[in-house]
PDB file of N, CA and C in Angstrom:
ATOM      1  N   UNK A   1      -6.835   4.768  13.754  1.00  0.00           N
ATOM      2  CA  UNK A   1      -7.388   6.075  14.239  1.00  0.00           C
ATOM      3  C   UNK A   1      -9.125   5.761  13.950  1.00  0.00           C
ATOM      4  N   UNK A   2      -9.717   5.757  14.858  1.00  0.00           N
ATOM      5  CA  UNK A   2     -11.461   5.878  14.731  1.00  0.00           C
ATOM      6  C   UNK A   2     -12.087   6.999  15.100  1.00  0.00           C
ATOM      7  N   UNK A   3     -12.894   7.820  14.608  1.00  0.00           N
ATOM      8  CA  UNK A   3     -13.659   9.042  15.302  1.00  0.00           C
ATOM      9  C   UNK A   3     -15.120   8.664  14.949  1.00  0.00           C
ATOM     10  N   UNK A   4     -15.916   8.581  15.797  1.00  0.00           N
ATOM     11  CA  UNK A   4     -17.331   8.490  15.833  1.00  0.00           C
ATOM     12  C   UNK A   4     -17.825  10.083  15.756  1.00  0.00           C
ATOM     13  N   UNK A   5     -18.854  10.754  14.793  1.00  0.00           N
ATOM     14  CA  UNK A   5     -18.830  11.916  14.703  1.00  0.00           C
ATOM     15  C   UNK A   5     -20.553  11.980  14.944  1.00  0.00           C
ATOM     16  N   UNK A   6     -21.348  12.929  14.984  1.00  0.00           N
ATOM     17  CA  UNK A   6     -22.609  13.320  15.126  1.00  0.00           C
ATOM     18  C   UNK A   6     -23.227  12.960  13.953  1.00  0.00           C
ATOM     19  N   UNK A   7     -24.698  12.548  14.022  1.00  0.00           N
ATOM     20  CA  UNK A   7     -25.498  12.477  12.958  1.00  0.00           C
ATOM     21  C   UNK A   7     -25.084  11.213  12.284  1.00  0.00           C
ATOM     22  N   UNK A   8     -24.545  10.135  12.857  1.00  0.00           N
ATOM     23  CA  UNK A   8     -24.400   9.001  12.345  1.00  0.00           C
ATOM     24  C   UNK A   8     -23.180   8.608  11.284  1.00  0.00           C
ATOM     25  N   UNK A   9     -22.169   9.903  11.546  1.00  0.00           N
ATOM     26  CA  UNK A   9     -21.065   9.746  10.573  1.00  0.00           C
ATOM     27  C   UNK A   9     -19.811   9.153  11.475  1.00  0.00           C
ATOM     28  N   UNK A  10     -19.001   8.283  10.665  1.00  0.00           N
ATOM     29  CA  UNK A  10     -17.731   7.756  11.327  1.00  0.00           C
ATOM     30  C   UNK A  10     -16.825   7.732  10.232  1.00  0.00           C
ATOM     31  N   UNK A  11     -15.412   8.517  10.669  1.00  0.00           N
ATOM     32  CA  UNK A  11     -14.630   8.584   9.881  1.00  0.00           C
ATOM     33  C   UNK A  11     -13.365   7.429  10.668  1.00  0.00           C
ATOM     34  N   UNK A  12     -12.403   6.954   9.771  1.00  0.00           N
ATOM     35  CA  UNK A  12     -11.115   6.314  10.269  1.00  0.00           C
ATOM     36  C   UNK A  12      -9.960   6.147   9.368  1.00  0.00           C
ATOM     37  N   UNK A  13      -8.841   5.832   9.834  1.00  0.00           N
ATOM     38  CA  UNK A  13      -7.753   6.130   8.566  1.00  0.00           C
ATOM     39  C   UNK A  13      -6.487   5.272   9.284  1.00  0.00           C
ATOM     40  N   UNK A  14      -5.637   4.763   8.407  1.00  0.00           N
ATOM     41  CA  UNK A  14      -4.463   4.200   8.739  1.00  0.00           C
ATOM     42  C   UNK A  14      -3.387   4.483   8.172  1.00  0.00           C
ATOM     43  N   UNK A  15      -1.871   4.628   8.601  1.00  0.00           N
ATOM     44  CA  UNK A  15      -1.042   4.922   7.920  1.00  0.00           C
ATOM     45  C   UNK A  15       0.099   4.080   8.336  1.00  0.00           C
ATOM     46  N   UNK A  16       1.128   3.879   7.279  1.00  0.00           N
ATOM     47  CA  UNK A  16       2.425   2.714   7.404  1.00  0.00           C
ATOM     48  C   UNK A  16       3.381   3.525   6.668  1.00  0.00           C
ATOM     49  N   UNK A  17       4.685   3.552   7.173  1.00  0.00           N
ATOM     50  CA  UNK A  17       5.918   3.717   7.101  1.00  0.00           C
ATOM     51  C   UNK A  17       6.815   2.909   7.146  1.00  0.00           C
ATOM     52  N   UNK A  18       7.323   2.400   5.912  1.00  0.00           N
ATOM     53  CA  UNK A  18       8.064   0.850   5.922  1.00  0.00           C
ATOM     54  C   UNK A  18       9.223   1.179   5.075  1.00  0.00           C
ATOM     55  N   UNK A  19      10.111   0.290   5.456  1.00  0.00           N
ATOM     56  CA  UNK A  19      11.177   0.167   4.507  1.00  0.00           C
ATOM     57  C   UNK A  19      11.443  -1.390   4.300  1.00  0.00           C
ATOM     58  N   UNK A  20      11.825  -1.953   3.159  1.00  0.00           N
ATOM     59  CA  UNK A  20      11.948  -3.251   2.899  1.00  0.00           C
ATOM     60  C   UNK A  20      13.201  -3.243   1.815  1.00  0.00           C
ATOM     61  N   UNK A  21      14.564  -3.732   2.513  1.00  0.00           N
ATOM     62  CA  UNK A  21      15.757  -3.883   1.948  1.00  0.00           C
ATOM     63  C   UNK A  21      16.099  -5.442   1.599  1.00  0.00           C
ATOM     64  N   UNK A  22      16.808  -5.435   0.474  1.00  0.00           N
ATOM     65  CA  UNK A  22      17.420  -6.797   0.190  1.00  0.00           C
ATOM     66  C   UNK A  22      18.568  -6.742  -0.549  1.00  0.00           C
ATOM     67  N   UNK A  23      18.964  -8.001  -0.697  1.00  0.00           N
ATOM     68  CA  UNK A  23      20.271  -8.148  -2.000  1.00  0.00           C
ATOM     69  C   UNK A  23      19.574  -8.821  -2.898  1.00  0.00           C
ATOM     70  N   UNK A  24      18.815  -8.963  -3.248  1.00  0.00           N
ATOM     71  CA  UNK A  24      18.266  -9.973  -4.286  1.00  0.00           C
ATOM     72  C   UNK A  24      16.751 -10.388  -4.795  1.00  0.00           C
ATOM     73  N   UNK A  25      16.070  -9.436  -4.852  1.00  0.00           N
ATOM     74  CA  UNK A  25      14.630  -9.445  -4.890  1.00  0.00           C
ATOM     75  C   UNK A  25      14.094  -9.972  -6.150  1.00  0.00           C
ATOM     76  N   UNK A  26      15.392  -9.753  -7.234  1.00  0.00           N
ATOM     77  CA  UNK A  26      15.173 -10.156  -8.712  1.00  0.00           C
ATOM     78  C   UNK A  26      15.607 -11.345  -9.221  1.00  0.00           C
ATOM     79  N   UNK A  27      15.936 -12.041  -8.118  1.00  0.00           N
ATOM     80  CA  UNK A  27      16.831 -13.444  -8.729  1.00  0.00           C
ATOM     81  C   UNK A  27      15.708 -14.252  -9.358  1.00  0.00           C
ATOM     82  N   UNK A  28      14.794 -14.285  -9.189  1.00  0.00           N
ATOM     83  CA  UNK A  28      13.453 -14.745  -9.638  1.00  0.00           C
ATOM     84  C   UNK A  28      12.698 -13.572 -10.557  1.00  0.00           C
ATOM     85  N   UNK A  29      12.895 -13.552 -11.881  1.00  0.00           N
ATOM     86  CA  UNK A  29      12.279 -12.665 -12.547  1.00  0.00           C
ATOM     87  C   UNK A  29      10.729 -12.528 -12.625  1.00  0.00           C
ATOM     88  N   UNK A  30      10.035 -13.706 -12.030  1.00  0.00           N
ATOM     89  CA  UNK A  30       8.490 -13.606 -12.153  1.00  0.00           C
ATOM     90  C   UNK A  30       8.104 -13.024 -11.065  1.00  0.00           C
ATOM     91  N   UNK A  31       8.841 -12.807 -10.024  1.00  0.00           N
ATOM     92  CA  UNK A  31       8.318 -11.979  -8.810  1.00  0.00           C
ATOM     93  C   UNK A  31       8.538 -10.453  -9.101  1.00  0.00           C
ATOM     94  N   UNK A  32       9.750  -9.990  -9.507  1.00  0.00           N
ATOM     95  CA  UNK A  32       9.834  -8.543  -9.658  1.00  0.00           C
ATOM     96  C   UNK A  32      10.507  -8.482 -11.257  1.00  0.00           C
ATOM     97  N   UNK A  33       9.305  -7.587 -12.031  1.00  0.00           N
ATOM     98  CA  UNK A  33      10.053  -7.322 -13.408  1.00  0.00           C
ATOM     99  C   UNK A  33      10.651  -5.769 -13.276  1.00  0.00           C
ATOM    100  N   UNK A  34      10.993  -5.196 -12.122  1.00  0.00           N
ATOM    101  CA  UNK A  34      11.558  -3.904 -12.585  1.00  0.00           C
ATOM    102  C   UNK A  34      12.915  -3.940 -12.078  1.00  0.00           C
ATOM    103  N   UNK A  35      13.470  -5.105 -11.707  1.00  0.00           N
ATOM    104  CA  UNK A  35      15.140  -4.758 -11.324  1.00  0.00           C
ATOM    105  C   UNK A  35      15.737  -6.148 -12.203  1.00  0.00           C
ATOM    106  N   UNK A  36      16.919  -6.011 -12.260  1.00  0.00           N
ATOM    107  CA  UNK A  36      17.382  -6.809 -13.126  1.00  0.00           C
ATOM    108  C   UNK A  36      17.663  -8.094 -12.671  1.00  0.00           C
ATOM    109  N   UNK A  37      17.548  -9.171 -13.341  1.00  0.00           N
ATOM    110  CA  UNK A  37      17.410 -10.753 -13.080  1.00  0.00           C
ATOM    111  C   UNK A  37      18.902 -10.969 -12.828  1.00  0.00           C
ATOM    112  N   UNK A  38      19.877 -10.378 -12.376  1.00  0.00           N
ATOM    113  CA  UNK A  38      21.293 -11.021 -12.121  1.00  0.00           C
ATOM    114  C   UNK A  38      21.612 -10.162 -11.082  1.00  0.00           C
ATOM    115  N   UNK A  39      22.976 -10.522 -10.362  1.00  0.00           N
ATOM    116  CA  UNK A  39      23.583  -9.692  -9.280  1.00  0.00           C
ATOM    117  C   UNK A  39      24.971  -9.093 -10.152  1.00  0.00           C
ATOM    118  N   UNK A  40      25.199  -7.795  -9.855  1.00  0.00           N
ATOM    119  CA  UNK A  40      26.439  -7.646 -10.130  1.00  0.00           C
ATOM    120  C   UNK A  40      27.579  -8.314 -10.290  1.00  0.00           C
ATOM    121  N   UNK A  41      27.757  -8.771  -9.017  1.00  0.00           N
ATOM    122  CA  UNK A  41      29.156  -9.514  -8.663  1.00  0.00           C
ATOM    123  C   UNK A  41      28.550 -10.974  -7.991  1.00  0.00           C
ATOM    124  N   UNK A  42      28.227 -12.189  -8.455  1.00  0.00           N
ATOM    125  CA  UNK A  42      27.668 -13.561  -7.844  1.00  0.00           C
ATOM    126  C   UNK A  42      28.708 -13.567  -6.369  1.00  0.00           C
ATOM    127  N   UNK A  43      29.922 -13.313  -6.633  1.00  0.00           N
ATOM    128  CA  UNK A  43      30.728 -13.588  -5.378  1.00  0.00           C
ATOM    129  C   UNK A  43      30.364 -12.927  -4.125  1.00  0.00           C
ATOM    130  N   UNK A  44      29.583 -11.787  -4.040  1.00  0.00           N
ATOM    131  CA  UNK A  44      29.475 -10.827  -3.289  1.00  0.00           C
ATOM    132  C   UNK A  44      28.222 -10.124  -3.328  1.00  0.00           C
ATOM    133  N   UNK A  45      26.889 -10.955  -3.300  1.00  0.00           N
ATOM    134  CA  UNK A  45      25.625 -10.411  -3.473  1.00  0.00           C
ATOM    135  C   UNK A  45      25.347  -9.160  -2.773  1.00  0.00           C
ATOM    136  N   UNK A  46      26.031  -8.884  -1.294  1.00  0.00           N
ATOM    137  CA  UNK A  46      25.626  -7.642  -0.650  1.00  0.00           C
ATOM    138  C   UNK A  46      26.039  -6.450  -1.564  1.00  0.00           C
ATOM    139  N   UNK A  47      26.940  -6.217  -2.651  1.00  0.00           N
ATOM    140  CA  UNK A  47      26.921  -5.316  -3.184  1.00  0.00           C
ATOM    141  C   UNK A  47      25.795  -4.530  -3.906  1.00  0.00           C
ATOM    142  N   UNK A  48      24.734  -5.535  -3.858  1.00  0.00           N
ATOM    143  CA  UNK A  48      23.380  -4.829  -4.709  1.00  0.00           C
ATOM    144  C   UNK A  48      22.422  -4.864  -3.336  1.00  0.00           C
ATOM    145  N   UNK A  49      22.832  -4.805  -2.009  1.00  0.00           N
ATOM    146  CA  UNK A  49      21.943  -4.366  -1.368  1.00  0.00           C
ATOM    147  C   UNK A  49      21.135  -3.121  -1.435  1.00  0.00           C
ATOM    148  N   UNK A  50      19.883  -2.937  -1.161  1.00  0.00           N
ATOM    149  CA  UNK A  50      19.168  -1.537  -1.182  1.00  0.00           C
ATOM    150  C   UNK A  50      17.610  -1.591  -1.290  1.00  0.00           C
ATOM    151  N   UNK A  51      16.998  -0.934  -1.451  1.00  0.00           N
ATOM    152  CA  UNK A  51      15.545  -1.135  -1.806  1.00  0.00           C
ATOM    153  C   UNK A  51      15.150  -2.330  -2.438  1.00  0.00           C
ATOM    154  N   UNK A  52      14.003  -3.408  -1.852  1.00  0.00           N
ATOM    155  CA  UNK A  52      13.711  -4.288  -2.538  1.00  0.00           C
ATOM    156  C   UNK A  52      12.659  -3.900  -3.631  1.00  0.00           C
ATOM    157  N   UNK A  53      12.391  -4.511  -4.690  1.00  0.00           N
ATOM    158  CA  UNK A  53      11.703  -4.350  -5.628  1.00  0.00           C
ATOM    159  C   UNK A  53      10.278  -4.360  -5.165  1.00  0.00           C
ATOM    160  N   UNK A  54      10.121  -4.879  -4.019  1.00  0.00           N
ATOM    161  CA  UNK A  54       8.419  -4.483  -3.683  1.00  0.00           C
ATOM    162  C   UNK A  54       8.369  -3.565  -2.382  1.00  0.00           C
ATOM    163  N   UNK A  55       9.403  -2.680  -2.161  1.00  0.00           N
ATOM    164  CA  UNK A  55       9.728  -1.699  -1.359  1.00  0.00           C
ATOM    165  C   UNK A  55       8.142  -0.616  -1.389  1.00  0.00           C
ATOM    166  N   UNK A  56       7.384  -0.433  -0.840  1.00  0.00           N
ATOM    167  CA  UNK A  56       6.457   0.511  -0.654  1.00  0.00           C
ATOM    168  C   UNK A  56       6.739   1.441   0.526  1.00  0.00           C
ATOM    169  N   UNK A  57       6.923   2.796   0.589  1.00  0.00           N
ATOM    170  CA  UNK A  57       7.706   3.322   1.788  1.00  0.00           C
ATOM    171  C   UNK A  57       6.457   4.108   2.309  1.00  0.00           C
ATOM    172  N   UNK A  58       5.245   4.529   1.653  1.00  0.00           N
ATOM    173  CA  UNK A  58       4.276   5.096   2.344  1.00  0.00           C
ATOM    174  C   UNK A  58       2.947   4.187   1.963  1.00  0.00           C
ATOM    175  N   UNK A  59       2.137   4.360   2.829  1.00  0.00           N
ATOM    176  CA  UNK A  59       0.791   3.502   2.624  1.00  0.00           C
ATOM    177  C   UNK A  59       0.079   3.990   3.683  1.00  0.00           C
ATOM    178  N   UNK A  60      -1.544   4.760   3.100  1.00  0.00           N
ATOM    179  CA  UNK A  60      -2.400   4.653   4.046  1.00  0.00           C
ATOM    180  C   UNK A  60      -3.556   4.699   3.103  1.00  0.00           C
ATOM    181  N   UNK A  61      -4.619   4.713   4.362  1.00  0.00           N
ATOM    182  CA  UNK A  61      -6.155   4.428   3.663  1.00  0.00           C
ATOM    183  C   UNK A  61      -6.987   5.119   4.862  1.00  0.00           C
ATOM    184  N   UNK A  62      -8.039   6.114   3.991  1.00  0.00           N
ATOM    185  CA  UNK A  62      -9.138   6.520   4.795  1.00  0.00           C
ATOM    186  C   UNK A  62     -10.488   5.987   4.338  1.00  0.00           C
ATOM    187  N   UNK A  63     -11.092   5.817   5.226  1.00  0.00           N
ATOM    188  CA  UNK A  63     -12.630   5.519   5.396  1.00  0.00           C
ATOM    189  C   UNK A  63     -13.588   6.127   6.119  1.00  0.00           C
ATOM    190  N   UNK A  64     -14.993   6.298   5.511  1.00  0.00           N
ATOM    191  CA  UNK A  64     -16.002   6.916   6.238  1.00  0.00           C
ATOM    192  C   UNK A  64     -17.262   6.212   6.054  1.00  0.00           C
ATOM    193  N   UNK A  65     -18.326   6.288   6.926  1.00  0.00           N
ATOM    194  CA  UNK A  65     -19.393   5.653   6.686  1.00  0.00           C
ATOM    195  C   UNK A  65     -20.628   6.690   7.521  1.00  0.00           C
ATOM    196  N   UNK A  66     -21.642   6.872   6.557  1.00  0.00           N
ATOM    197  CA  UNK A  66     -22.628   7.868   7.384  1.00  0.00           C
ATOM    198  C   UNK A  66     -24.026   6.816   7.143  1.00  0.00           C
ATOM    199  N   UNK A  67     -24.739   7.056   8.222  1.00  0.00           N
ATOM    200  CA  UNK A  67     -26.102   6.186   8.350  1.00  0.00           C
ATOM    201  C   UNK A  67     -26.863   7.152   7.950  1.00  0.00           C
ATOM    202  N   UNK A  68     -27.630   6.850   6.713  1.00  0.00           N
ATOM    203  CA  UNK A  68     -28.486   7.791   6.078  1.00  0.00           C
ATOM    204  C   UNK A  68     -29.532   7.919   6.870  1.00  0.00           C
ATOM    205  N   UNK A  69     -29.933   9.132   6.870  1.00  0.00           N
ATOM    206  CA  UNK A  69     -31.564   9.262   8.068  1.00  0.00           C
ATOM    207  C   UNK A  69     -32.844   9.441   7.069  1.00  0.00           C
ATOM    208  N   UNK A  70     -32.789   7.923   6.711  1.00  0.00           N
ATOM    209  CA  UNK A  70     -34.137   7.775   5.908  1.00  0.00           C
ATOM    210  C   UNK A  70     -35.396   7.311   6.968  1.00  0.00           C
ATOM    211  N   UNK A  71     -36.260   7.240   6.484  1.00  0.00           N
ATOM    212  CA  UNK A  71     -37.868   6.919   7.217  1.00  0.00           C
ATOM    213  C   UNK A  71     -37.483   5.541   7.812  1.00  0.00           C
ATOM    214  N   UNK A  72     -38.931   5.119   7.812  1.00  0.00           N
ATOM    215  CA  UNK A  72     -38.923   3.754   8.739  1.00  0.00           C
ATOM    216  C   UNK A  72     -39.308   2.582   7.762  1.00  0.00           C
ATOM    217  N   UNK A  73     -39.237   1.349   8.071  1.00  0.00           N
ATOM    218  CA  UNK A  73     -39.710   0.062   7.199  1.00  0.00           C
ATOM    219  C   UNK A  73     -38.837  -0.314   6.380  1.00  0.00           C
ATOM    220  N   UNK A  74     -39.008  -0.509   4.984  1.00  0.00           N
ATOM    221  CA  UNK A  74     -38.129  -0.920   4.316  1.00  0.00           C
ATOM    222  C   UNK A  74     -36.852  -0.198   3.971  1.00  0.00           C
ATOM    223  N   UNK A  75     -36.950   1.117   3.924  1.00  0.00           N
ATOM    224  CA  UNK A  75     -35.916   1.995   3.666  1.00  0.00           C
ATOM    225  C   UNK A  75     -35.096   2.435   4.858  1.00  0.00           C
ATOM    226  N   UNK A  76     -35.402   1.902   5.850  1.00  0.00           N
ATOM    227  CA  UNK A  76     -34.618   2.116   7.045  1.00  0.00           C
ATOM    228  C   UNK A  76     -33.168   1.377   7.339  1.00  0.00           C
ATOM    229  N   UNK A  77     -32.185   1.956   7.883  1.00  0.00           N
ATOM    230  CA  UNK A  77     -30.975   0.891   7.932  1.00  0.00           C
ATOM    231  C   UNK A  77     -29.945   1.179   6.976  1.00  0.00           C
ATOM    232  N   UNK A  78     -30.312   2.027   5.878  1.00  0.00           N
ATOM    233  CA  UNK A  78     -29.397   1.949   4.811  1.00  0.00           C
ATOM    234  C   UNK A  78     -28.035   2.943   5.277  1.00  0.00           C
ATOM    235  N   UNK A  79     -26.891   2.639   4.825  1.00  0.00           N
ATOM    236  CA  UNK A  79     -25.444   3.700   4.792  1.00  0.00           C
ATOM    237  C   UNK A  79     -24.800   3.741   3.653  1.00  0.00           C
ATOM    238  N   UNK A  80     -23.774   4.969   3.652  1.00  0.00           N
ATOM    239  CA  UNK A  80     -23.392   5.290   2.592  1.00  0.00           C
ATOM    240  C   UNK A  80     -21.655   5.089   3.219  1.00  0.00           C
ATOM    241  N   UNK A  81     -20.958   4.178   2.461  1.00  0.00           N
ATOM    242  CA  UNK A  81     -19.454   4.443   2.855  1.00  0.00           C
ATOM    243  C   UNK A  81     -18.572   4.425   1.614  1.00  0.00           C
ATOM    244  N   UNK A  82     -17.292   4.578   1.874  1.00  0.00           N
ATOM    245  CA  UNK A  82     -16.389   4.963   1.219  1.00  0.00           C
ATOM    246  C   UNK A  82     -15.094   4.541   1.666  1.00  0.00           C
ATOM    247  N   UNK A  83     -13.981   4.151   0.627  1.00  0.00           N
ATOM    248  CA  UNK A  83     -12.649   3.934   1.135  1.00  0.00           C
ATOM    249  C   UNK A  83     -11.483   4.542   0.129  1.00  0.00           C
ATOM    250  N   UNK A  84     -10.652   5.131   0.381  1.00  0.00           N
ATOM    251  CA  UNK A  84      -9.480   5.536  -0.479  1.00  0.00           C
ATOM    252  C   UNK A  84      -8.108   5.004  -0.025  1.00  0.00           C
ATOM    253  N   UNK A  85      -7.232   4.611  -0.796  1.00  0.00           N
ATOM    254  CA  UNK A  85      -6.262   4.066  -0.428  1.00  0.00           C
ATOM    255  C   UNK A  85      -4.741   4.531  -1.061  1.00  0.00           C
ATOM    256  N   UNK A  86      -4.178   5.307  -0.678  1.00  0.00           N
ATOM    257  CA  UNK A  86      -2.704   5.783  -1.327  1.00  0.00           C
ATOM    258  C   UNK A  86      -1.820   5.126  -1.001  1.00  0.00           C
ATOM    259  N   UNK A  87      -0.724   4.775  -1.749  1.00  0.00           N
ATOM    260  CA  UNK A  87       0.795   4.657  -1.526  1.00  0.00           C
ATOM    261  C   UNK A  87       1.545   4.847  -2.642  1.00  0.00           C
ATOM    262  N   UNK A  88       2.772   5.121  -1.976  1.00  0.00           N
ATOM    263  CA  UNK A  88       3.944   5.484  -2.797  1.00  0.00           C
ATOM    264  C   UNK A  88       4.019   4.345  -3.864  1.00  0.00           C
ATOM    265  N   UNK A  89       4.748   4.466  -4.976  1.00  0.00           N
ATOM    266  CA  UNK A  89       5.073   3.441  -5.897  1.00  0.00           C
ATOM    267  C   UNK A  89       6.198   2.550  -5.745  1.00  0.00           C
ATOM    268  N   UNK A  90       6.351   1.778  -6.438  1.00  0.00           N
ATOM    269  CA  UNK A  90       7.498   0.993  -6.659  1.00  0.00           C
ATOM    270  C   UNK A  90       8.764   1.753  -6.952  1.00  0.00           C
ATOM    271  N   UNK A  91       9.839   1.374  -6.653  1.00  0.00           N
ATOM    272  CA  UNK A  91      11.185   2.079  -7.068  1.00  0.00           C
ATOM    273  C   UNK A  91      11.785   1.871  -8.496  1.00  0.00           C
ATOM    274  N   UNK A  92      12.484   2.380  -8.759  1.00  0.00           N
ATOM    275  CA  UNK A  92      12.802   2.384 -10.183  1.00  0.00           C
ATOM    276  C   UNK A  92      14.128   2.150 -10.077  1.00  0.00           C
ATOM    277  N   UNK A  93      14.688   0.892 -10.831  1.00  0.00           N
ATOM    278  CA  UNK A  93      16.048   0.367 -10.807  1.00  0.00           C
ATOM    279  C   UNK A  93      16.593   0.697 -12.274  1.00  0.00           C
ATOM    280  N   UNK A  94      17.227   1.580 -12.693  1.00  0.00           N
ATOM    281  CA  UNK A  94      17.994   1.818 -14.209  1.00  0.00           C
ATOM    282  C   UNK A  94      18.899   0.562 -14.105  1.00  0.00           C
ATOM    283  N   UNK A  95      18.986   0.362 -15.350  1.00  0.00           N
ATOM    284  CA  UNK A  95      19.794  -0.866 -15.641  1.00  0.00           C
ATOM    285  C   UNK A  95      20.700  -0.734 -16.953  1.00  0.00           C
ATOM    286  N   UNK A  96      21.409  -1.523 -17.481  1.00  0.00           N
ATOM    287  CA  UNK A  96      22.012  -1.469 -18.905  1.00  0.00           C
ATOM    288  C   UNK A  96      21.197  -2.594 -19.568  1.00  0.00           C
ATOM    289  N   UNK A  97      20.973  -2.624 -20.841  1.00  0.00           N
ATOM    290  CA  UNK A  97      20.635  -3.587 -21.556  1.00  0.00           C
ATOM    291  C   UNK A  97      22.021  -4.493 -22.097  1.00  0.00           C
TER     292      UNK A  97
END
């Protein structure tokens, strides 16, 4: 979404809702450190099916730009911009030591 407003102001934003499911995102511990590096029962890895270690459910970003109303010559053409990114965290996977 993008909106052009008056006086050189522009706002934009994006939002993502997603779900990442798998049955073994931690088989390689260098990839995901928040889940165990083994499956409960190797004969049926589907028992471990659920949210992946890289599951980020909600993600959004907003941005804005304002063309500064400065004079002419060297100080003309400047703008002020900002971006904010927000997302949900990685899931917690409790495990026994």
